[in-house]
């Protein structure tokens, strides 16, 4: 279940960055490009840096829930219930 939670985190993060992030980036480019089209280059999507960031996101979102569970599960059930109060 923790692995699914991590997978949902990275799926949502990557999905939003691909849709909203790319849309915002292109929208800003188009806005600036329309101001003075002679001085600005074409819009080029940075596939390599974005791919590296996505791999890092997948690794972090997969590892953190499991590490958190291991840290919390070391204490007994009664101790964990006392921490909640």
PDB file of N, CA and C in Angstrom:
ATOM      1  N   UNK A   1       0.822  -1.184   0.000  1.00  0.00           N
ATOM      2  CA  UNK A   1       0.000   0.000   0.000  1.00  0.00           C
ATOM      3  C   UNK A   1       0.877   1.263   0.000  1.00  0.00           C
ATOM      4  N   UNK A   2       1.983   1.208   0.711  1.00  0.00           N
ATOM      5  CA  UNK A   2       2.884   2.363   0.717  1.00  0.00           C
ATOM      6  C   UNK A   2       3.513   2.598  -0.647  1.00  0.00           C
ATOM      7  N   UNK A   3       3.788   1.524  -1.349  1.00  0.00           N
ATOM      8  CA  UNK A   3       4.357   1.681  -2.703  1.00  0.00           C
ATOM      9  C   UNK A   3       3.344   2.336  -3.643  1.00  0.00           C
ATOM     10  N   UNK A   4       2.066   1.968  -3.487  1.00  0.00           N
ATOM     11  CA  UNK A   4       1.022   2.593  -4.305  1.00  0.00           C
ATOM     12  C   UNK A   4       0.888   4.071  -3.968  1.00  0.00           C
ATOM     13  N   UNK A   5       1.013   4.396  -2.681  1.00  0.00           N
ATOM     14  CA  UNK A   5       0.947   5.793  -2.273  1.00  0.00           C
ATOM     15  C   UNK A   5       2.075   6.594  -2.920  1.00  0.00           C
ATOM     16  N   UNK A   6       3.288   6.045  -2.888  1.00  0.00           N
ATOM     17  CA  UNK A   6       4.415   6.709  -3.541  1.00  0.00           C
ATOM     18  C   UNK A   6       4.202   6.835  -5.037  1.00  0.00           C
ATOM     19  N   UNK A   7       3.647   5.786  -5.650  1.00  0.00           N
ATOM     20  CA  UNK A   7       3.395   5.818  -7.095  1.00  0.00           C
ATOM     21  C   UNK A   7       2.357   6.885  -7.440  1.00  0.00           C
ATOM     22  N   UNK A   8       1.338   7.017  -6.610  1.00  0.00           N
ATOM     23  CA  UNK A   8       0.328   8.047  -6.861  1.00  0.00           C
ATOM     24  C   UNK A   8       0.955   9.431  -6.750  1.00  0.00           C
ATOM     25  N   UNK A   9       1.833   9.618  -5.756  1.00  0.00           N
ATOM     26  CA  UNK A   9       2.507  10.917  -5.609  1.00  0.00           C
ATOM     27  C   UNK A   9       3.289  11.270  -6.864  1.00  0.00           C
ATOM     28  N   UNK A  10       4.108  10.323  -7.358  1.00  0.00           N
ATOM     29  CA  UNK A  10       4.916  10.702  -8.521  1.00  0.00           C
ATOM     30  C   UNK A  10       4.094  10.782  -9.796  1.00  0.00           C
ATOM     31  N   UNK A  11       3.034   9.998  -9.906  1.00  0.00           N
ATOM     32  CA  UNK A  11       2.177  10.113 -11.089  1.00  0.00           C
ATOM     33  C   UNK A  11       1.487  11.477 -11.137  1.00  0.00           C
ATOM     34  N   UNK A  12       0.975  11.923  -9.999  1.00  0.00           N
ATOM     35  CA  UNK A  12       0.303  13.227  -9.955  1.00  0.00           C
ATOM     36  C   UNK A  12       1.309  14.351 -10.209  1.00  0.00           C
ATOM     37  N   UNK A  13       2.478  14.252  -9.583  1.00  0.00           N
ATOM     38  CA  UNK A  13       3.487  15.296  -9.751  1.00  0.00           C
ATOM     39  C   UNK A  13       3.946  15.404 -11.202  1.00  0.00           C
ATOM     40  N   UNK A  14       4.251  14.277 -11.806  1.00  0.00           N
ATOM     41  CA  UNK A  14       4.710  14.291 -13.197  1.00  0.00           C
ATOM     42  C   UNK A  14       3.578  14.704 -14.141  1.00  0.00           C
ATOM     43  N   UNK A  15       2.377  14.219 -13.871  1.00  0.00           N
ATOM     44  CA  UNK A  15       1.242  14.591 -14.706  1.00  0.00           C
ATOM     45  C   UNK A  15       0.959  16.082 -14.688  1.00  0.00           C
ATOM     46  N   UNK A  16       0.985  16.665 -13.489  1.00  0.00           N
ATOM     47  CA  UNK A  16       0.744  18.107 -13.397  1.00  0.00           C
ATOM     48  C   UNK A  16       1.869  18.914 -14.025  1.00  0.00           C
ATOM     49  N   UNK A  17       3.094  18.463 -13.846  1.00  0.00           N
ATOM     50  CA  UNK A  17       4.199  19.227 -14.436  1.00  0.00           C
ATOM     51  C   UNK A  17       4.196  19.123 -15.959  1.00  0.00           C
ATOM     52  N   UNK A  18       3.774  17.983 -16.493  1.00  0.00           N
ATOM     53  CA  UNK A  18       3.700  17.859 -17.949  1.00  0.00           C
ATOM     54  C   UNK A  18       2.574  18.704 -18.538  1.00  0.00           C
ATOM     55  N   UNK A  19       1.451  18.777 -17.849  1.00  0.00           N
ATOM     56  CA  UNK A  19       0.323  19.531 -18.398  1.00  0.00           C
ATOM     57  C   UNK A  19       0.390  21.005 -18.019  1.00  0.00           C
ATOM     58  N   UNK A  20       0.321  21.283 -16.730  1.00  0.00           N
ATOM     59  CA  UNK A  20       0.321  22.681 -16.297  1.00  0.00           C
ATOM     60  C   UNK A  20       1.676  23.354 -16.495  1.00  0.00           C
ATOM     61  N   UNK A  21       2.734  22.650 -16.138  1.00  0.00           N
ATOM     62  CA  UNK A  21       4.071  23.240 -16.260  1.00  0.00           C
ATOM     63  C   UNK A  21       4.432  23.582 -17.688  1.00  0.00           C
ATOM     64  N   UNK A  22       4.167  22.664 -18.593  1.00  0.00           N
ATOM     65  CA  UNK A  22       4.468  22.911 -19.998  1.00  0.00           C
ATOM     66  C   UNK A  22       3.567  24.014 -20.555  1.00  0.00           C
ATOM     67  N   UNK A  23       2.292  23.994 -20.163  1.00  0.00           N
ATOM     68  CA  UNK A  23       1.376  25.036 -20.628  1.00  0.00           C
ATOM     69  C   UNK A  23       1.785  26.416 -20.161  1.00  0.00           C
ATOM     70  N   UNK A  24       2.167  26.521 -18.899  1.00  0.00           N
ATOM     71  CA  UNK A  24       2.605  27.814 -18.373  1.00  0.00           C
ATOM     72  C   UNK A  24       3.895  28.262 -19.052  1.00  0.00           C
ATOM     73  N   UNK A  25       4.828  27.334 -19.235  1.00  0.00           N
ATOM     74  CA  UNK A  25       6.099  27.679 -19.886  1.00  0.00           C
ATOM     75  C   UNK A  25       5.869  28.191 -21.303  1.00  0.00           C
ATOM     76  N   UNK A  26       5.052  27.464 -22.054  1.00  0.00           N
ATOM     77  CA  UNK A  26       4.802  27.883 -23.430  1.00  0.00           C
ATOM     78  C   UNK A  26       4.006  29.183 -23.476  1.00  0.00           C
ATOM     79  N   UNK A  27       3.072  29.340 -22.545  1.00  0.00           N
ATOM     80  CA  UNK A  27       2.300  30.580 -22.490  1.00  0.00           C
ATOM     81  C   UNK A  27       3.190  31.785 -22.221  1.00  0.00           C
ATOM     82  N   UNK A  28       4.131  31.655 -21.292  1.00  0.00           N
ATOM     83  CA  UNK A  28       5.070  32.753 -21.024  1.00  0.00           C
ATOM     84  C   UNK A  28       5.965  33.021 -22.222  1.00  0.00           C
ATOM     85  N   UNK A  29       6.404  31.929 -22.870  1.00  0.00           N
ATOM     86  CA  UNK A  29       7.226  32.103 -24.074  1.00  0.00           C
ATOM     87  C   UNK A  29       6.446  32.852 -25.152  1.00  0.00           C
ATOM     88  N   UNK A  30       5.205  32.451 -25.376  1.00  0.00           N
ATOM     89  CA  UNK A  30       4.396  33.098 -26.408  1.00  0.00           C
ATOM     90  C   UNK A  30       4.152  34.566 -26.072  1.00  0.00           C
ATOM     91  N   UNK A  31       3.932  34.860 -24.795  1.00  0.00           N
ATOM     92  CA  UNK A  31       3.712  36.242 -24.377  1.00  0.00           C
ATOM     93  C   UNK A  31       4.951  37.099 -24.633  1.00  0.00           C
ATOM     94  N   UNK A  32       6.110  36.578 -24.275  1.00  0.00           N
ATOM     95  CA  UNK A  32       7.351  37.319 -24.496  1.00  0.00           C
ATOM     96  C   UNK A  32       7.680  37.391 -25.981  1.00  0.00           C
ATOM     97  N   UNK A  33       7.455  36.302 -26.693  1.00  0.00           N
ATOM     98  CA  UNK A  33       7.770  36.251 -28.119  1.00  0.00           C
ATOM     99  C   UNK A  33       6.921  37.255 -28.900  1.00  0.00           C
ATOM    100  N   UNK A  34       5.677  37.443 -28.498  1.00  0.00           N
ATOM    101  CA  UNK A  34       4.798  38.399 -29.195  1.00  0.00           C
ATOM    102  C   UNK A  34       5.221  39.845 -28.968  1.00  0.00           C
ATOM    103  N   UNK A  35       5.948  40.114 -27.904  1.00  0.00           N
ATOM    104  CA  UNK A  35       6.400  41.475 -27.644  1.00  0.00           C
ATOM    105  C   UNK A  35       7.432  41.916 -28.683  1.00  0.00           C
ATOM    106  N   UNK A  36       8.398  41.035 -28.945  1.00  0.00           N
ATOM    107  CA  UNK A  36       9.450  41.369 -29.906  1.00  0.00           C
ATOM    108  C   UNK A  36       9.954  40.069 -30.531  1.00  0.00           C
ATOM    109  N   UNK A  37       9.311  39.587 -31.599  1.00  0.00           N
ATOM    110  CA  UNK A  37       9.636  38.269 -32.156  1.00  0.00           C
ATOM    111  C   UNK A  37      11.027  38.150 -32.780  1.00  0.00           C
ATOM    112  N   UNK A  38      11.697  39.239 -33.020  1.00  0.00           N
ATOM    113  CA  UNK A  38      13.001  39.170 -33.690  1.00  0.00           C
ATOM    114  C   UNK A  38      14.096  38.723 -32.728  1.00  0.00           C
ATOM    115  N   UNK A  39      14.029  39.108 -31.455  1.00  0.00           N
ATOM    116  CA  UNK A  39      15.118  38.859 -30.526  1.00  0.00           C
ATOM    117  C   UNK A  39      15.052  37.512 -29.807  1.00  0.00           C
ATOM    118  N   UNK A  40      13.954  36.806 -29.836  1.00  0.00           N
ATOM    119  CA  UNK A  40      13.803  35.594 -29.042  1.00  0.00           C
ATOM    120  C   UNK A  40      13.836  34.345 -29.919  1.00  0.00           C
ATOM    121  N   UNK A  41      14.505  33.291 -29.465  1.00  0.00           N
ATOM    122  CA  UNK A  41      14.588  32.046 -30.243  1.00  0.00           C
ATOM    123  C   UNK A  41      13.293  31.246 -30.172  1.00  0.00           C
ATOM    124  N   UNK A  42      13.308  30.091 -30.812  1.00  0.00           N
ATOM    125  CA  UNK A  42      12.147  29.204 -30.807  1.00  0.00           C
ATOM    126  C   UNK A  42      11.990  28.534 -29.451  1.00  0.00           C
ATOM    127  N   UNK A  43      10.769  28.074 -29.178  1.00  0.00           N
ATOM    128  CA  UNK A  43      10.502  27.335 -27.950  1.00  0.00           C
ATOM    129  C   UNK A  43      11.001  25.907 -28.130  1.00  0.00           C
ATOM    130  N   UNK A  44      11.923  25.490 -27.283  1.00  0.00           N
ATOM    131  CA  UNK A  44      12.465  24.128 -27.330  1.00  0.00           C
ATOM    132  C   UNK A  44      12.258  23.503 -25.959  1.00  0.00           C
ATOM    133  N   UNK A  45      11.597  22.353 -25.925  1.00  0.00           N
ATOM    134  CA  UNK A  45      11.324  21.667 -24.658  1.00  0.00           C
ATOM    135  C   UNK A  45      12.590  20.955 -24.187  1.00  0.00           C
ATOM    136  N   UNK A  46      13.022  21.174 -22.950  1.00  0.00           N
ATOM    137  CA  UNK A  46      14.265  20.570 -22.445  1.00  0.00           C
ATOM    138  C   UNK A  46      14.045  19.124 -21.986  1.00  0.00           C
ATOM    139  N   UNK A  47      14.028  18.188 -22.915  1.00  0.00           N
ATOM    140  CA  UNK A  47      13.710  16.794 -22.599  1.00  0.00           C
ATOM    141  C   UNK A  47      14.696  16.158 -21.626  1.00  0.00           C
ATOM    142  N   UNK A  48      15.981  16.374 -21.810  1.00  0.00           N
ATOM    143  CA  UNK A  48      16.975  15.723 -20.950  1.00  0.00           C
ATOM    144  C   UNK A  48      16.891  16.203 -19.496  1.00  0.00           C
ATOM    145  N   UNK A  49      16.915  17.511 -19.220  1.00  0.00           N
ATOM    146  CA  UNK A  49      16.806  17.942 -17.822  1.00  0.00           C
ATOM    147  C   UNK A  49      15.478  17.535 -17.178  1.00  0.00           C
ATOM    148  N   UNK A  50      14.395  17.618 -17.921  1.00  0.00           N
ATOM    149  CA  UNK A  50      13.090  17.241 -17.387  1.00  0.00           C
ATOM    150  C   UNK A  50      13.056  15.742 -17.101  1.00  0.00           C
ATOM    151  N   UNK A  51      13.635  14.950 -17.968  1.00  0.00           N
ATOM    152  CA  UNK A  51      13.698  13.507 -17.740  1.00  0.00           C
ATOM    153  C   UNK A  51      14.494  13.152 -16.501  1.00  0.00           C
ATOM    154  N   UNK A  52      15.599  13.848 -16.285  1.00  0.00           N
ATOM    155  CA  UNK A  52      16.414  13.604 -15.085  1.00  0.00           C
ATOM    156  C   UNK A  52      15.626  13.977 -13.832  1.00  0.00           C
ATOM    157  N   UNK A  53      14.933  15.097 -13.871  1.00  0.00           N
ATOM    158  CA  UNK A  53      14.127  15.516 -12.725  1.00  0.00           C
ATOM    159  C   UNK A  53      13.004  14.511 -12.462  1.00  0.00           C
ATOM    160  N   UNK A  54      12.383  13.990 -13.510  1.00  0.00           N
ATOM    161  CA  UNK A  54      11.326  13.000 -13.333  1.00  0.00           C
ATOM    162  C   UNK A  54      11.864  11.720 -12.696  1.00  0.00           C
ATOM    163  N   UNK A  55      13.052  11.294 -13.084  1.00  0.00           N
ATOM    164  CA  UNK A  55      13.661  10.102 -12.475  1.00  0.00           C
ATOM    165  C   UNK A  55      13.922  10.349 -10.991  1.00  0.00           C
ATOM    166  N   UNK A  56      14.409  11.521 -10.654  1.00  0.00           N
ATOM    167  CA  UNK A  56      14.654  11.863  -9.244  1.00  0.00           C
ATOM    168  C   UNK A  56      13.336  11.881  -8.470  1.00  0.00           C
ATOM    169  N   UNK A  57      12.291  12.424  -9.057  1.00  0.00           N
ATOM    170  CA  UNK A  57      10.979  12.453  -8.410  1.00  0.00           C
ATOM    171  C   UNK A  57      10.480  11.040  -8.150  1.00  0.00           C
ATOM    172  N   UNK A  58      10.612  10.149  -9.123  1.00  0.00           N
ATOM    173  CA  UNK A  58      10.170   8.762  -8.956  1.00  0.00           C
ATOM    174  C   UNK A  58      10.953   8.096  -7.825  1.00  0.00           C
ATOM    175  N   UNK A  59      12.249   8.306  -7.782  1.00  0.00           N
ATOM    176  CA  UNK A  59      13.072   7.688  -6.738  1.00  0.00           C
ATOM    177  C   UNK A  59      12.668   8.209  -5.360  1.00  0.00           C
ATOM    178  N   UNK A  60      12.542   9.513  -5.222  1.00  0.00           N
ATOM    179  CA  UNK A  60      12.193  10.097  -3.926  1.00  0.00           C
ATOM    180  C   UNK A  60      10.804   9.664  -3.477  1.00  0.00           C
ATOM    181  N   UNK A  61       9.833   9.717  -4.387  1.00  0.00           N
ATOM    182  CA  UNK A  61       8.462   9.352  -4.020  1.00  0.00           C
ATOM    183  C   UNK A  61       8.307   7.858  -3.759  1.00  0.00           C
ATOM    184  N   UNK A  62       9.217   7.047  -4.231  1.00  0.00           N
ATOM    185  CA  UNK A  62       9.163   5.618  -3.960  1.00  0.00           C
ATOM    186  C   UNK A  62       9.844   5.267  -2.641  1.00  0.00           C
ATOM    187  N   UNK A  63      10.873   6.004  -2.282  1.00  0.00           N
ATOM    188  CA  UNK A  63      11.659   5.674  -1.095  1.00  0.00           C
ATOM    189  C   UNK A  63      11.081   6.285   0.181  1.00  0.00           C
ATOM    190  N   UNK A  64      10.610   7.526   0.134  1.00  0.00           N
ATOM    191  CA  UNK A  64      10.201   8.241   1.338  1.00  0.00           C
ATOM    192  C   UNK A  64       9.071   7.553   2.108  1.00  0.00           C
ATOM    193  N   UNK A  65       7.971   7.095   1.475  1.00  0.00           N
ATOM    194  CA  UNK A  65       6.924   6.442   2.280  1.00  0.00           C
ATOM    195  C   UNK A  65       7.421   5.188   3.004  1.00  0.00           C
ATOM    196  N   UNK A  66       8.259   4.425   2.367  1.00  0.00           N
ATOM    197  CA  UNK A  66       8.760   3.212   3.003  1.00  0.00           C
ATOM    198  C   UNK A  66       9.722   3.526   4.148  1.00  0.00           C
ATOM    199  N   UNK A  67      10.590   4.513   3.966  1.00  0.00           N
ATOM    200  CA  UNK A  67      11.492   4.907   5.047  1.00  0.00           C
ATOM    201  C   UNK A  67      10.714   5.474   6.240  1.00  0.00           C
ATOM    202  N   UNK A  68       9.689   6.231   5.955  1.00  0.00           N
ATOM    203  CA  UNK A  68       8.857   6.780   7.022  1.00  0.00           C
ATOM    204  C   UNK A  68       8.177   5.668   7.796  1.00  0.00           C
ATOM    205  N   UNK A  69       7.656   4.680   7.088  1.00  0.00           N
ATOM    206  CA  UNK A  69       7.004   3.555   7.762  1.00  0.00           C
ATOM    207  C   UNK A  69       7.992   2.786   8.631  1.00  0.00           C
ATOM    208  N   UNK A  70       9.179   2.562   8.127  1.00  0.00           N
ATOM    209  CA  UNK A  70      10.186   1.840   8.915  1.00  0.00           C
ATOM    210  C   UNK A  70      10.552   2.603  10.177  1.00  0.00           C
ATOM    211  N   UNK A  71      10.639   3.909  10.086  1.00  0.00           N
ATOM    212  CA  UNK A  71      10.961   4.724  11.253  1.00  0.00           C
ATOM    213  C   UNK A  71       9.832   4.674  12.287  1.00  0.00           C
ATOM    214  N   UNK A  72       8.603   4.789  11.821  1.00  0.00           N
ATOM    215  CA  UNK A  72       7.459   4.808  12.724  1.00  0.00           C
ATOM    216  C   UNK A  72       7.190   3.422  13.311  1.00  0.00           C
ATOM    217  N   UNK A  73       7.382   2.377  12.535  1.00  0.00           N
ATOM    218  CA  UNK A  73       7.037   1.031  12.992  1.00  0.00           C
ATOM    219  C   UNK A  73       7.992   0.485  14.045  1.00  0.00           C
ATOM    220  N   UNK A  74       9.114   1.149  14.281  1.00  0.00           N
ATOM    221  CA  UNK A  74      10.045   0.688  15.311  1.00  0.00           C
ATOM    222  C   UNK A  74       9.468   0.861  16.706  1.00  0.00           C
ATOM    223  N   UNK A  75       8.633   1.856  16.902  1.00  0.00           N
ATOM    224  CA  UNK A  75       8.011   2.047  18.205  1.00  0.00           C
ATOM    225  C   UNK A  75       6.760   1.168  18.307  1.00  0.00           C
ATOM    226  N   UNK A  76       6.374   0.870  19.538  1.00  0.00           N
ATOM    227  CA  UNK A  76       5.214   0.015  19.762  1.00  0.00           C
ATOM    228  C   UNK A  76       3.914   0.724  19.455  1.00  0.00           C
ATOM    229  N   UNK A  77       2.843  -0.043  19.379  1.00  0.00           N
ATOM    230  CA  UNK A  77       1.536   0.502  19.047  1.00  0.00           C
ATOM    231  C   UNK A  77       1.071   1.500  20.098  1.00  0.00           C
ATOM    232  N   UNK A  78       1.280   1.187  21.360  1.00  0.00           N
ATOM    233  CA  UNK A  78       0.852   2.076  22.434  1.00  0.00           C
ATOM    234  C   UNK A  78       1.626   3.392  22.353  1.00  0.00           C
ATOM    235  N   UNK A  79       2.904   3.334  22.090  1.00  0.00           N
ATOM    236  CA  UNK A  79       3.703   4.553  21.978  1.00  0.00           C
ATOM    237  C   UNK A  79       3.228   5.413  20.809  1.00  0.00           C
ATOM    238  N   UNK A  80       2.895   4.776  19.703  1.00  0.00           N
ATOM    239  CA  UNK A  80       2.405   5.534  18.556  1.00  0.00           C
ATOM    240  C   UNK A  80       1.064   6.194  18.852  1.00  0.00           C
ATOM    241  N   UNK A  81       0.186   5.490  19.590  1.00  0.00           N
ATOM    242  CA  UNK A  81      -1.098   6.080  19.952  1.00  0.00           C
ATOM    243  C   UNK A  81      -0.919   7.249  20.900  1.00  0.00           C
ATOM    244  N   UNK A  82       0.065   7.177  21.793  1.00  0.00           N
ATOM    245  CA  UNK A  82       0.314   8.280  22.715  1.00  0.00           C
ATOM    246  C   UNK A  82       0.837   9.501  21.966  1.00  0.00           C
ATOM    247  N   UNK A  83       1.612   9.306  20.906  1.00  0.00           N
ATOM    248  CA  UNK A  83       2.130  10.418  20.127  1.00  0.00           C
ATOM    249  C   UNK A  83       1.012  11.166  19.403  1.00  0.00           C
ATOM    250  N   UNK A  84      -0.025  10.461  19.029  1.00  0.00           N
ATOM    251  CA  UNK A  84      -1.136  11.078  18.319  1.00  0.00           C
ATOM    252  C   UNK A  84      -1.883  12.038  19.226  1.00  0.00           C
ATOM    253  N   UNK A  85      -2.026  11.681  20.500  1.00  0.00           N
ATOM    254  CA  UNK A  85      -2.764  12.539  21.442  1.00  0.00           C
ATOM    255  C   UNK A  85      -1.977  13.694  21.774  1.00  0.00           C
TER     256      UNK A  85
END
